[in-house]
PDB file of all heavy atoms in Angstrom:
ATOM      1  N   SER A   1      -6.721 -11.190  -7.932  1.00  0.00           N
ATOM      2  CA  SER A   1      -7.654 -11.347  -6.815  1.00  0.00           C
ATOM      3  C   SER A   1      -7.961 -10.019  -6.135  1.00  0.00           C
ATOM      4  O   SER A   1      -8.832  -9.955  -5.262  1.00  0.00           O
ATOM      5  CB  SER A   1      -7.071 -12.318  -5.774  1.00  0.00           C
ATOM      6  OG  SER A   1      -6.905 -13.602  -6.332  1.00  0.00           O
ATOM      7  N   GLY A   2      -7.222  -8.969  -6.486  1.00  0.00           N
ATOM      8  CA  GLY A   2      -7.439  -7.662  -5.876  1.00  0.00           C
ATOM      9  C   GLY A   2      -6.757  -7.504  -4.529  1.00  0.00           C
ATOM     10  O   GLY A   2      -7.100  -6.610  -3.754  1.00  0.00           O
ATOM     11  N   PHE A   3      -5.771  -8.369  -4.224  1.00  0.00           N
ATOM     12  CA  PHE A   3      -5.039  -8.246  -2.972  1.00  0.00           C
ATOM     13  C   PHE A   3      -4.055  -7.073  -3.078  1.00  0.00           C
ATOM     14  O   PHE A   3      -3.743  -6.619  -4.180  1.00  0.00           O
ATOM     15  CB  PHE A   3      -4.316  -9.547  -2.628  1.00  0.00           C
ATOM     16  CG  PHE A   3      -5.235 -10.742  -2.507  1.00  0.00           C
ATOM     17  CD1 PHE A   3      -4.761 -12.020  -2.690  1.00  0.00           C
ATOM     18  CD2 PHE A   3      -6.583 -10.580  -2.212  1.00  0.00           C
ATOM     19  CE1 PHE A   3      -5.599 -13.126  -2.584  1.00  0.00           C
ATOM     20  CE2 PHE A   3      -7.439 -11.677  -2.095  1.00  0.00           C
ATOM     21  CZ  PHE A   3      -6.935 -12.952  -2.281  1.00  0.00           C
ATOM     22  N   GLU A   4      -3.581  -6.596  -1.934  1.00  0.00           N
ATOM     23  CA  GLU A   4      -2.782  -5.371  -1.890  1.00  0.00           C
ATOM     24  C   GLU A   4      -1.327  -5.631  -1.513  1.00  0.00           C
ATOM     25  O   GLU A   4      -1.043  -6.275  -0.502  1.00  0.00           O
ATOM     26  CB  GLU A   4      -3.391  -4.369  -0.893  1.00  0.00           C
ATOM     27  CG  GLU A   4      -4.786  -3.908  -1.249  1.00  0.00           C
ATOM     28  CD  GLU A   4      -4.840  -2.978  -2.447  1.00  0.00           C
ATOM     29  OE1 GLU A   4      -3.780  -2.498  -2.899  1.00  0.00           O
ATOM     30  OE2 GLU A   4      -5.958  -2.731  -2.935  1.00  0.00           O
ATOM     31  N   HIS A   5      -0.428  -5.087  -2.319  1.00  0.00           N
ATOM     32  CA  HIS A   5       1.016  -5.195  -2.102  1.00  0.00           C
ATOM     33  C   HIS A   5       1.544  -3.803  -1.766  1.00  0.00           C
ATOM     34  O   HIS A   5       1.462  -2.884  -2.580  1.00  0.00           O
ATOM     35  CB  HIS A   5       1.670  -5.740  -3.377  1.00  0.00           C
ATOM     36  CG  HIS A   5       3.127  -6.016  -3.243  1.00  0.00           C
ATOM     37  ND1 HIS A   5       4.076  -5.037  -3.425  1.00  0.00           N
ATOM     38  CD2 HIS A   5       3.799  -7.155  -2.951  1.00  0.00           C
ATOM     39  CE1 HIS A   5       5.274  -5.574  -3.255  1.00  0.00           C
ATOM     40  NE2 HIS A   5       5.133  -6.855  -2.968  1.00  0.00           N
ATOM     41  N   SER A   6       2.078  -3.647  -0.564  1.00  0.00           N
ATOM     42  CA  SER A   6       2.437  -2.313  -0.077  1.00  0.00           C
ATOM     43  C   SER A   6       3.470  -1.604  -0.944  1.00  0.00           C
ATOM     44  O   SER A   6       3.363  -0.389  -1.170  1.00  0.00           O
ATOM     45  CB  SER A   6       2.933  -2.393   1.373  1.00  0.00           C
ATOM     46  OG  SER A   6       4.015  -3.303   1.500  1.00  0.00           O
ATOM     47  N   ILE A   7       4.449  -2.310  -1.462  1.00  0.00           N
ATOM     48  CA  ILE A   7       5.495  -1.642  -2.247  1.00  0.00           C
ATOM     49  C   ILE A   7       4.947  -1.245  -3.615  1.00  0.00           C
ATOM     50  O   ILE A   7       5.244  -0.146  -4.119  1.00  0.00           O
ATOM     51  CB  ILE A   7       6.750  -2.522  -2.369  1.00  0.00           C
ATOM     52  CG1 ILE A   7       7.192  -3.053  -0.989  1.00  0.00           C
ATOM     53  CG2 ILE A   7       7.883  -1.753  -3.042  1.00  0.00           C
ATOM     54  CD1 ILE A   7       7.418  -1.993   0.078  1.00  0.00           C
ATOM     55  N   ALA A   8       4.119  -2.085  -4.212  1.00  0.00           N
ATOM     56  CA  ALA A   8       3.461  -1.689  -5.466  1.00  0.00           C
ATOM     57  C   ALA A   8       2.575  -0.479  -5.230  1.00  0.00           C
ATOM     58  O   ALA A   8       2.538   0.457  -6.045  1.00  0.00           O
ATOM     59  CB  ALA A   8       2.647  -2.852  -6.030  1.00  0.00           C
ATOM     60  N   ASP A   9       1.882  -0.477  -4.089  1.00  0.00           N
ATOM     61  CA  ASP A   9       1.000   0.646  -3.781  1.00  0.00           C
ATOM     62  C   ASP A   9       1.779   1.946  -3.576  1.00  0.00           C
ATOM     63  O   ASP A   9       1.268   3.025  -3.837  1.00  0.00           O
ATOM     64  CB  ASP A   9       0.138   0.330  -2.564  1.00  0.00           C
ATOM     65  CG  ASP A   9      -1.009  -0.618  -2.899  1.00  0.00           C
ATOM     66  OD1 ASP A   9      -1.372  -0.724  -4.097  1.00  0.00           O
ATOM     67  OD2 ASP A   9      -1.546  -1.249  -1.975  1.00  0.00           O
ATOM     68  N   ILE A  10       3.031   1.851  -3.106  1.00  0.00           N
ATOM     69  CA  ILE A  10       3.878   3.049  -3.018  1.00  0.00           C
ATOM     70  C   ILE A  10       4.053   3.656  -4.403  1.00  0.00           C
ATOM     71  O   ILE A  10       3.980   4.879  -4.575  1.00  0.00           O
ATOM     72  CB  ILE A  10       5.249   2.719  -2.398  1.00  0.00           C
ATOM     73  CG1 ILE A  10       5.104   2.385  -0.917  1.00  0.00           C
ATOM     74  CG2 ILE A  10       6.240   3.880  -2.602  1.00  0.00           C
ATOM     75  CD1 ILE A  10       6.345   1.756  -0.300  1.00  0.00           C
ATOM     76  N   SER A  11       4.262   2.801  -5.399  1.00  0.00           N
ATOM     77  CA  SER A  11       4.458   3.333  -6.759  1.00  0.00           C
ATOM     78  C   SER A  11       3.193   4.017  -7.271  1.00  0.00           C
ATOM     79  O   SER A  11       3.263   5.077  -7.885  1.00  0.00           O
ATOM     80  CB  SER A  11       4.937   2.239  -7.721  1.00  0.00           C
ATOM     81  OG  SER A  11       3.947   1.263  -7.960  1.00  0.00           O
ATOM     82  N   TYR A  12       2.014   3.438  -6.964  1.00  0.00           N
ATOM     83  CA  TYR A  12       0.768   4.068  -7.408  1.00  0.00           C
ATOM     84  C   TYR A  12       0.529   5.380  -6.658  1.00  0.00           C
ATOM     85  O   TYR A  12       0.076   6.361  -7.242  1.00  0.00           O
ATOM     86  CB  TYR A  12      -0.424   3.125  -7.212  1.00  0.00           C
ATOM     87  CG  TYR A  12      -0.244   1.782  -7.861  1.00  0.00           C
ATOM     88  CD1 TYR A  12      -0.562   0.608  -7.192  1.00  0.00           C
ATOM     89  CD2 TYR A  12       0.267   1.675  -9.154  1.00  0.00           C
ATOM     90  CE1 TYR A  12      -0.387  -0.633  -7.785  1.00  0.00           C
ATOM     91  CE2 TYR A  12       0.452   0.441  -9.752  1.00  0.00           C
ATOM     92  CZ  TYR A  12       0.125  -0.705  -9.058  1.00  0.00           C
ATOM     93  OH  TYR A  12       0.312  -1.929  -9.639  1.00  0.00           O
ATOM     94  N   LEU A  13       0.830   5.378  -5.365  1.00  0.00           N
ATOM     95  CA  LEU A  13       0.706   6.587  -4.553  1.00  0.00           C
ATOM     96  C   LEU A  13       1.536   7.723  -5.165  1.00  0.00           C
ATOM     97  O   LEU A  13       1.060   8.845  -5.333  1.00  0.00           O
ATOM     98  CB  LEU A  13       1.178   6.274  -3.133  1.00  0.00           C
ATOM     99  CG  LEU A  13       1.243   7.365  -2.070  1.00  0.00           C
ATOM    100  CD1 LEU A  13       1.151   6.725  -0.690  1.00  0.00           C
ATOM    101  CD2 LEU A  13       2.525   8.177  -2.135  1.00  0.00           C
ATOM    102  N   CYS A  14       2.802   7.411  -5.511  1.00  0.00           N
ATOM    103  CA  CYS A  14       3.702   8.440  -6.051  1.00  0.00           C
ATOM    104  C   CYS A  14       3.340   8.817  -7.483  1.00  0.00           C
ATOM    105  O   CYS A  14       3.367   9.999  -7.837  1.00  0.00           O
ATOM    106  CB  CYS A  14       5.145   7.967  -5.956  1.00  0.00           C
ATOM    107  SG  CYS A  14       5.723   7.815  -4.245  1.00  0.00           S
ATOM    108  N   MET A  15       2.975   7.837  -8.302  1.00  0.00           N
ATOM    109  CA  MET A  15       2.577   8.155  -9.680  1.00  0.00           C
ATOM    110  C   MET A  15       1.307   8.997  -9.708  1.00  0.00           C
ATOM    111  O   MET A  15       1.135   9.834 -10.584  1.00  0.00           O
ATOM    112  CB  MET A  15       2.351   6.867 -10.485  1.00  0.00           C
ATOM    113  CG  MET A  15       3.605   6.157 -10.892  1.00  0.00           C
ATOM    114  SD  MET A  15       3.206   4.624 -11.779  1.00  0.00           S
ATOM    115  CE  MET A  15       4.677   3.671 -11.474  1.00  0.00           C
ATOM    116  N   GLY A  16       0.419   8.749  -8.764  1.00  0.00           N
ATOM    117  CA  GLY A  16      -0.838   9.492  -8.713  1.00  0.00           C
ATOM    118  C   GLY A  16      -0.766  10.745  -7.869  1.00  0.00           C
ATOM    119  O   GLY A  16      -1.745  11.480  -7.758  1.00  0.00           O
ATOM    120  N   LEU A  17       0.410  10.977  -7.236  1.00  0.00           N
ATOM    121  CA  LEU A  17       0.599  12.136  -6.355  1.00  0.00           C
ATOM    122  C   LEU A  17      -0.492  12.177  -5.284  1.00  0.00           C
ATOM    123  O   LEU A  17      -1.069  13.213  -4.992  1.00  0.00           O
ATOM    124  CB  LEU A  17       0.624  13.436  -7.170  1.00  0.00           C
ATOM    125  CG  LEU A  17       1.654  13.482  -8.303  1.00  0.00           C
ATOM    126  CD1 LEU A  17       1.500  14.750  -9.134  1.00  0.00           C
ATOM    127  CD2 LEU A  17       3.080  13.367  -7.749  1.00  0.00           C
ATOM    128  N   ARG A  18      -0.756  11.003  -4.691  1.00  0.00           N
ATOM    129  CA  ARG A  18      -1.864  10.848  -3.737  1.00  0.00           C
ATOM    130  C   ARG A  18      -1.330  10.480  -2.354  1.00  0.00           C
ATOM    131  O   ARG A  18      -1.466   9.356  -1.889  1.00  0.00           O
ATOM    132  CB  ARG A  18      -2.830   9.783  -4.253  1.00  0.00           C
ATOM    133  CG  ARG A  18      -3.576  10.172  -5.497  1.00  0.00           C
ATOM    134  CD  ARG A  18      -4.544  11.324  -5.251  1.00  0.00           C
ATOM    135  NE  ARG A  18      -5.495  10.992  -4.206  1.00  0.00           N
ATOM    136  CZ  ARG A  18      -6.641  10.334  -4.441  1.00  0.00           C
ATOM    137  NH1 ARG A  18      -6.967   9.976  -5.682  1.00  0.00           N
ATOM    138  NH2 ARG A  18      -7.461  10.041  -3.452  1.00  0.00           N
ATOM    139  N   PHE A  19      -0.764  11.457  -1.676  1.00  0.00           N
ATOM    140  CA  PHE A  19      -0.159  11.203  -0.373  1.00  0.00           C
ATOM    141  C   PHE A  19      -1.202  11.033   0.734  1.00  0.00           C
ATOM    142  O   PHE A  19      -0.852  10.645   1.850  1.00  0.00           O
ATOM    143  CB  PHE A  19       0.883  12.289  -0.072  1.00  0.00           C
ATOM    144  CG  PHE A  19       1.952  12.305  -1.127  1.00  0.00           C
ATOM    145  CD1 PHE A  19       1.923  13.222  -2.162  1.00  0.00           C
ATOM    146  CD2 PHE A  19       2.945  11.337  -1.124  1.00  0.00           C
ATOM    147  CE1 PHE A  19       2.889  13.186  -3.158  1.00  0.00           C
ATOM    148  CE2 PHE A  19       3.912  11.295  -2.118  1.00  0.00           C
ATOM    149  CZ  PHE A  19       3.882  12.223  -3.136  1.00  0.00           C
ATOM    150  N   ASP A  20      -2.468  11.262   0.402  1.00  0.00           N
ATOM    151  CA  ASP A  20      -3.546  10.961   1.343  1.00  0.00           C
ATOM    152  C   ASP A  20      -3.713   9.451   1.537  1.00  0.00           C
ATOM    153  O   ASP A  20      -4.420   9.007   2.446  1.00  0.00           O
ATOM    154  CB  ASP A  20      -4.876  11.571   0.863  1.00  0.00           C
ATOM    155  CG  ASP A  20      -5.278  11.111  -0.536  1.00  0.00           C
ATOM    156  OD1 ASP A  20      -4.384  10.861  -1.379  1.00  0.00           O
ATOM    157  OD2 ASP A  20      -6.492  11.020  -0.794  1.00  0.00           O
ATOM    158  N   PHE A  21      -3.037   8.672   0.705  1.00  0.00           N
ATOM    159  CA  PHE A  21      -3.120   7.215   0.780  1.00  0.00           C
ATOM    160  C   PHE A  21      -2.132   6.630   1.799  1.00  0.00           C
ATOM    161  O   PHE A  21      -2.187   5.441   2.105  1.00  0.00           O
ATOM    162  CB  PHE A  21      -2.867   6.621  -0.610  1.00  0.00           C
ATOM    163  CG  PHE A  21      -3.111   5.144  -0.713  1.00  0.00           C
ATOM    164  CD1 PHE A  21      -4.363   4.607  -0.502  1.00  0.00           C
ATOM    165  CD2 PHE A  21      -2.072   4.271  -1.030  1.00  0.00           C
ATOM    166  CE1 PHE A  21      -4.593   3.243  -0.586  1.00  0.00           C
ATOM    167  CE2 PHE A  21      -2.293   2.902  -1.131  1.00  0.00           C
ATOM    168  CZ  PHE A  21      -3.552   2.386  -0.905  1.00  0.00           C
ATOM    169  N   LEU A  22      -1.247   7.456   2.364  1.00  0.00           N
ATOM    170  CA  LEU A  22      -0.208   6.949   3.270  1.00  0.00           C
ATOM    171  C   LEU A  22      -0.751   6.140   4.450  1.00  0.00           C
ATOM    172  O   LEU A  22      -0.217   5.059   4.730  1.00  0.00           O
ATOM    173  CB  LEU A  22       0.665   8.094   3.781  1.00  0.00           C
ATOM    174  CG  LEU A  22       1.852   8.462   2.888  1.00  0.00           C
ATOM    175  CD1 LEU A  22       2.506   9.746   3.388  1.00  0.00           C
ATOM    176  CD2 LEU A  22       2.867   7.342   2.827  1.00  0.00           C
ATOM    177  N   PRO A  23      -1.784   6.587   5.178  1.00  0.00           N
ATOM    178  CA  PRO A  23      -2.279   5.760   6.298  1.00  0.00           C
ATOM    179  C   PRO A  23      -2.755   4.375   5.841  1.00  0.00           C
ATOM    180  O   PRO A  23      -2.467   3.359   6.493  1.00  0.00           O
ATOM    181  CB  PRO A  23      -3.438   6.583   6.873  1.00  0.00           C
ATOM    182  CG  PRO A  23      -3.140   7.998   6.468  1.00  0.00           C
ATOM    183  CD  PRO A  23      -2.482   7.883   5.114  1.00  0.00           C
ATOM    184  N   ALA A  24      -3.449   4.320   4.714  1.00  0.00           N
ATOM    185  CA  ALA A  24      -3.914   3.034   4.188  1.00  0.00           C
ATOM    186  C   ALA A  24      -2.726   2.168   3.775  1.00  0.00           C
ATOM    187  O   ALA A  24      -2.734   0.952   3.974  1.00  0.00           O
ATOM    188  CB  ALA A  24      -4.853   3.258   3.004  1.00  0.00           C
ATOM    189  N   LEU A  25      -1.699   2.797   3.228  1.00  0.00           N
ATOM    190  CA  LEU A  25      -0.501   2.072   2.806  1.00  0.00           C
ATOM    191  C   LEU A  25       0.155   1.368   4.000  1.00  0.00           C
ATOM    192  O   LEU A  25       0.567   0.210   3.894  1.00  0.00           O
ATOM    193  CB  LEU A  25       0.485   3.039   2.148  1.00  0.00           C
ATOM    194  CG  LEU A  25       1.831   2.445   1.778  1.00  0.00           C
ATOM    195  CD1 LEU A  25       1.685   1.512   0.591  1.00  0.00           C
ATOM    196  CD2 LEU A  25       2.828   3.531   1.466  1.00  0.00           C
ATOM    197  N   LEU A  26       0.240   2.054   5.125  1.00  0.00           N
ATOM    198  CA  LEU A  26       0.847   1.452   6.318  1.00  0.00           C
ATOM    199  C   LEU A  26       0.011   0.276   6.817  1.00  0.00           C
ATOM    200  O   LEU A  26       0.555  -0.747   7.252  1.00  0.00           O
ATOM    201  CB  LEU A  26       1.028   2.503   7.408  1.00  0.00           C
ATOM    202  CG  LEU A  26       2.008   3.622   7.042  1.00  0.00           C
ATOM    203  CD1 LEU A  26       2.055   4.671   8.143  1.00  0.00           C
ATOM    204  CD2 LEU A  26       3.400   3.073   6.761  1.00  0.00           C
ATOM    205  N   LEU A  27      -1.304   0.389   6.724  1.00  0.00           N
ATOM    206  CA  LEU A  27      -2.195  -0.711   7.100  1.00  0.00           C
ATOM    207  C   LEU A  27      -1.975  -1.918   6.184  1.00  0.00           C
ATOM    208  O   LEU A  27      -1.930  -3.069   6.638  1.00  0.00           O
ATOM    209  CB  LEU A  27      -3.643  -0.236   7.022  1.00  0.00           C
ATOM    210  CG  LEU A  27      -4.712  -1.163   7.565  1.00  0.00           C
ATOM    211  CD1 LEU A  27      -4.540  -1.366   9.062  1.00  0.00           C
ATOM    212  CD2 LEU A  27      -6.089  -0.606   7.259  1.00  0.00           C
ATOM    213  N   ILE A  28      -1.806  -1.658   4.900  1.00  0.00           N
ATOM    214  CA  ILE A  28      -1.538  -2.731   3.934  1.00  0.00           C
ATOM    215  C   ILE A  28      -0.199  -3.398   4.236  1.00  0.00           C
ATOM    216  O   ILE A  28      -0.077  -4.631   4.191  1.00  0.00           O
ATOM    217  CB  ILE A  28      -1.589  -2.176   2.499  1.00  0.00           C
ATOM    218  CG1 ILE A  28      -3.032  -1.820   2.128  1.00  0.00           C
ATOM    219  CG2 ILE A  28      -0.993  -3.164   1.496  1.00  0.00           C
ATOM    220  CD1 ILE A  28      -3.155  -0.924   0.905  1.00  0.00           C
ATOM    221  N   ALA A  29       0.817  -2.592   4.564  1.00  0.00           N
ATOM    222  CA  ALA A  29       2.135  -3.144   4.909  1.00  0.00           C
ATOM    223  C   ALA A  29       2.035  -4.059   6.130  1.00  0.00           C
ATOM    224  O   ALA A  29       2.657  -5.128   6.166  1.00  0.00           O
ATOM    225  CB  ALA A  29       3.139  -2.024   5.150  1.00  0.00           C
ATOM    226  N   LEU A  30       1.238  -3.667   7.116  1.00  0.00           N
ATOM    227  CA  LEU A  30       1.025  -4.524   8.291  1.00  0.00           C
ATOM    228  C   LEU A  30       0.336  -5.827   7.887  1.00  0.00           C
ATOM    229  O   LEU A  30       0.673  -6.902   8.395  1.00  0.00           O
ATOM    230  CB  LEU A  30       0.191  -3.796   9.341  1.00  0.00           C
ATOM    231  CG  LEU A  30       0.901  -2.687  10.115  1.00  0.00           C
ATOM    232  CD1 LEU A  30      -0.093  -1.948  11.008  1.00  0.00           C
ATOM    233  CD2 LEU A  30       2.044  -3.252  10.949  1.00  0.00           C
ATOM    234  N   GLY A  31      -0.626  -5.734   6.973  1.00  0.00           N
ATOM    235  CA  GLY A  31      -1.285  -6.937   6.477  1.00  0.00           C
ATOM    236  C   GLY A  31      -0.320  -7.840   5.729  1.00  0.00           C
ATOM    237  O   GLY A  31      -0.320  -9.062   5.928  1.00  0.00           O
ATOM    238  N   ASN A  32       0.526  -7.258   4.867  1.00  0.00           N
ATOM    239  CA  ASN A  32       1.541  -8.048   4.152  1.00  0.00           C
ATOM    240  C   ASN A  32       2.420  -8.796   5.145  1.00  0.00           C
ATOM    241  O   ASN A  32       2.703  -9.989   4.969  1.00  0.00           O
ATOM    242  CB  ASN A  32       2.441  -7.145   3.300  1.00  0.00           C
ATOM    243  CG  ASN A  32       1.772  -6.524   2.098  1.00  0.00           C
ATOM    244  OD1 ASN A  32       2.263  -5.537   1.561  1.00  0.00           O
ATOM    245  ND2 ASN A  32       0.648  -7.060   1.637  1.00  0.00           N
ATOM    246  N   ALA A  33       2.866  -8.078   6.184  1.00  0.00           N
ATOM    247  CA  ALA A  33       3.729  -8.689   7.196  1.00  0.00           C
ATOM    248  C   ALA A  33       2.991  -9.811   7.932  1.00  0.00           C
ATOM    249  O   ALA A  33       3.530 -10.908   8.109  1.00  0.00           O
ATOM    250  CB  ALA A  33       4.219  -7.629   8.176  1.00  0.00           C
ATOM    251  N   ALA A  34       1.754  -9.543   8.344  1.00  0.00           N
ATOM    252  CA  ALA A  34       0.988 -10.536   9.107  1.00  0.00           C
ATOM    253  C   ALA A  34       0.782 -11.818   8.317  1.00  0.00           C
ATOM    254  O   ALA A  34       0.961 -12.931   8.841  1.00  0.00           O
ATOM    255  CB  ALA A  34      -0.362  -9.951   9.521  1.00  0.00           C
ATOM    256  N   GLY A  35       0.422 -11.706   7.035  1.00  0.00           N
ATOM    257  CA  GLY A  35       0.194 -12.893   6.223  1.00  0.00           C
ATOM    258  C   GLY A  35       1.449 -13.713   6.032  1.00  0.00           C
ATOM    259  O   GLY A  35       1.452 -14.944   6.187  1.00  0.00           O
ATOM    260  N   SER A  36       2.538 -13.041   5.720  1.00  0.00           N
ATOM    261  CA  SER A  36       3.800 -13.723   5.482  1.00  0.00           C
ATOM    262  C   SER A  36       4.334 -14.388   6.756  1.00  0.00           C
ATOM    263  O   SER A  36       4.753 -15.551   6.745  1.00  0.00           O
ATOM    264  CB  SER A  36       4.815 -12.704   4.943  1.00  0.00           C
ATOM    265  OG  SER A  36       5.968 -13.342   4.489  1.00  0.00           O
TER     266      SER A  36
END
C-alpha cells in the first residue's frame, strides 16, 4: 500500500547513506505511534 514503517526506513536511510531523511523519519515514527 506504500505505507511507511519507521524502523524499516532507518535501514533504507543507512543503506542509502541519506541522513537528510532524518526529519521525515521522525515524522513517520510519530505517525506509526499515532496509528497504533
